[in-house]
Amino acid sequence: MDYGYIKVTHWLRKRRGYLINKKKVYRLMKDHKLLNSNRLIQRQPRLWVAGTSSPTR
């Protein structure tokens, strides 16, 4: 499944008419192994202009 628990909660509420909490949907999806693993965000190193020091506040 390509949807997170928040999108699924929204779909269940709006399209199906269920009154369900997002925490309940999270637990159900976790129990049934429907959650995607966390994606790691790789940060880009900062590029500074040559000859200047890092900015100070």
N, C-alpha and C. Protein backbone atom coordinates (compact mmCIF):
# COMPACT_ATOMS: atom_id res chain seq x y z
N MET A 1 0.85 -1.17 0.00
CA MET A 1 0.00 0.00 0.00
C MET A 1 0.89 1.23 0.00
N ASP A 2 0.57 2.20 -0.82
CA ASP A 2 1.40 3.39 -0.95
C ASP A 2 0.91 4.56 -0.13
N TYR A 3 -0.04 4.32 0.75
CA TYR A 3 -0.59 5.42 1.52
C TYR A 3 -0.18 5.30 2.98
N GLY A 4 0.03 6.45 3.62
CA GLY A 4 0.32 6.48 5.03
C GLY A 4 -0.96 6.43 5.84
N TYR A 5 -0.80 6.32 7.15
CA TYR A 5 -1.98 6.18 8.00
C TYR A 5 -2.83 7.43 8.01
N ILE A 6 -2.24 8.59 7.79
CA ILE A 6 -3.03 9.83 7.79
C ILE A 6 -3.93 9.88 6.57
N LYS A 7 -3.39 9.51 5.40
CA LYS A 7 -4.21 9.48 4.18
C LYS A 7 -5.31 8.44 4.28
N VAL A 8 -4.98 7.29 4.85
CA VAL A 8 -5.98 6.23 5.00
C VAL A 8 -7.08 6.69 5.95
N THR A 9 -6.70 7.36 7.03
CA THR A 9 -7.69 7.89 7.98
C THR A 9 -8.62 8.86 7.28
N HIS A 10 -8.04 9.76 6.50
CA HIS A 10 -8.84 10.74 5.77
C HIS A 10 -9.81 10.04 4.81
N TRP A 11 -9.31 9.04 4.09
CA TRP A 11 -10.15 8.29 3.15
C TRP A 11 -11.29 7.58 3.88
N LEU A 12 -10.98 6.95 5.01
CA LEU A 12 -12.02 6.24 5.76
C LEU A 12 -13.09 7.19 6.27
N ARG A 13 -12.68 8.38 6.69
CA ARG A 13 -13.65 9.35 7.20
C ARG A 13 -14.51 9.94 6.10
N LYS A 14 -13.86 10.40 5.02
CA LYS A 14 -14.58 11.12 3.97
C LYS A 14 -15.35 10.20 3.03
N ARG A 15 -14.72 9.11 2.58
CA ARG A 15 -15.35 8.26 1.57
C ARG A 15 -16.23 7.17 2.16
N ARG A 16 -15.81 6.63 3.30
CA ARG A 16 -16.54 5.50 3.88
C ARG A 16 -17.44 5.91 5.03
N GLY A 17 -17.25 7.11 5.59
CA GLY A 17 -18.12 7.58 6.65
C GLY A 17 -17.82 7.03 8.03
N TYR A 18 -16.64 6.44 8.22
CA TYR A 18 -16.27 5.90 9.53
C TYR A 18 -15.79 7.02 10.45
N LEU A 19 -16.13 6.92 11.72
CA LEU A 19 -15.57 7.81 12.73
C LEU A 19 -14.42 7.06 13.37
N ILE A 20 -13.21 7.34 12.93
CA ILE A 20 -12.06 6.59 13.40
C ILE A 20 -10.90 7.56 13.62
N ASN A 21 -10.14 7.28 14.66
CA ASN A 21 -9.02 8.11 15.05
C ASN A 21 -7.78 7.68 14.26
N LYS A 22 -6.89 8.65 13.93
CA LYS A 22 -5.69 8.31 13.17
C LYS A 22 -4.76 7.40 13.95
N LYS A 23 -4.80 7.47 15.29
CA LYS A 23 -3.95 6.58 16.10
C LYS A 23 -4.43 5.14 15.99
N LYS A 24 -5.73 4.95 15.91
CA LYS A 24 -6.29 3.60 15.74
C LYS A 24 -5.89 3.04 14.37
N VAL A 25 -5.97 3.88 13.33
CA VAL A 25 -5.57 3.44 11.99
C VAL A 25 -4.09 3.10 11.98
N TYR A 26 -3.27 3.90 12.65
CA TYR A 26 -1.83 3.62 12.73
C TYR A 26 -1.58 2.26 13.37
N ARG A 27 -2.25 1.99 14.49
CA ARG A 27 -2.05 0.71 15.19
C ARG A 27 -2.49 -0.46 14.31
N LEU A 28 -3.63 -0.32 13.65
CA LEU A 28 -4.12 -1.40 12.78
C LEU A 28 -3.17 -1.66 11.61
N MET A 29 -2.69 -0.59 11.00
CA MET A 29 -1.78 -0.75 9.87
C MET A 29 -0.45 -1.34 10.33
N LYS A 30 -0.02 -0.95 11.52
CA LYS A 30 1.23 -1.49 12.06
C LYS A 30 1.09 -2.97 12.36
N ASP A 31 -0.03 -3.38 12.95
CA ASP A 31 -0.26 -4.79 13.27
C ASP A 31 -0.30 -5.66 12.02
N HIS A 32 -0.82 -5.11 10.93
CA HIS A 32 -0.94 -5.87 9.68
C HIS A 32 0.21 -5.62 8.72
N LYS A 33 1.24 -4.92 9.22
CA LYS A 33 2.46 -4.63 8.44
C LYS A 33 2.14 -3.91 7.12
N LEU A 34 1.32 -2.90 7.21
CA LEU A 34 0.96 -2.12 6.04
C LEU A 34 1.66 -0.77 5.98
N LEU A 35 2.48 -0.47 6.98
CA LEU A 35 3.17 0.81 7.01
C LEU A 35 4.47 0.71 6.23
N ASN A 36 4.80 1.78 5.52
CA ASN A 36 6.08 1.83 4.83
C ASN A 36 7.16 2.14 5.85
N SER A 37 8.37 1.67 5.58
CA SER A 37 9.47 2.00 6.47
C SER A 37 9.81 3.48 6.32
N ASN A 38 10.40 4.05 7.34
CA ASN A 38 10.76 5.46 7.29
C ASN A 38 11.84 5.68 6.23
N ARG A 39 11.65 6.71 5.48
CA ARG A 39 12.63 7.05 4.45
C ARG A 39 13.65 8.01 5.07
N LEU A 40 14.91 7.73 4.82
CA LEU A 40 15.96 8.60 5.34
C LEU A 40 16.14 9.79 4.40
N ILE A 41 16.21 10.97 4.99
CA ILE A 41 16.44 12.18 4.22
C ILE A 41 17.93 12.46 4.27
N GLN A 42 18.56 12.45 3.12
CA GLN A 42 19.98 12.74 3.07
C GLN A 42 20.17 14.23 2.84
N ARG A 43 20.89 14.84 3.75
CA ARG A 43 21.10 16.28 3.66
C ARG A 43 22.30 16.60 2.78
N GLN A 44 22.16 17.67 2.02
CA GLN A 44 23.25 18.13 1.17
C GLN A 44 24.19 18.99 2.01
N PRO A 45 25.50 18.85 1.84
CA PRO A 45 26.41 19.72 2.58
C PRO A 45 26.27 21.15 2.08
N ARG A 46 26.43 22.10 2.97
CA ARG A 46 26.32 23.50 2.58
C ARG A 46 27.55 23.92 1.80
N LEU A 47 27.32 24.69 0.78
CA LEU A 47 28.42 25.20 -0.03
C LEU A 47 28.59 26.68 0.29
N TRP A 48 29.76 27.04 0.76
CA TRP A 48 30.04 28.42 1.12
C TRP A 48 30.82 29.09 0.00
N VAL A 49 30.68 30.39 -0.08
CA VAL A 49 31.43 31.16 -1.06
C VAL A 49 32.89 31.14 -0.64
N ALA A 50 33.78 30.94 -1.59
CA ALA A 50 35.21 30.85 -1.28
C ALA A 50 35.70 32.15 -0.65
N GLY A 51 36.49 32.03 0.39
CA GLY A 51 37.09 33.20 1.03
C GLY A 51 36.25 33.79 2.14
N THR A 52 35.10 33.24 2.43
CA THR A 52 34.28 33.77 3.53
C THR A 52 34.17 32.71 4.61
N SER A 53 33.93 33.18 5.79
CA SER A 53 33.74 32.23 6.88
C SER A 53 32.26 31.90 7.00
N SER A 54 31.94 30.96 7.86
CA SER A 54 30.54 30.60 8.04
C SER A 54 29.79 31.78 8.66
N PRO A 55 28.52 31.92 8.35
CA PRO A 55 27.75 33.07 8.86
C PRO A 55 27.59 33.02 10.37
N THR A 56 27.58 34.19 10.97
CA THR A 56 27.36 34.30 12.42
C THR A 56 26.11 35.11 12.65
N ARG A 57 25.56 34.95 13.78
CA ARG A 57 24.34 35.70 14.10
C ARG A 57 24.64 36.88 14.95
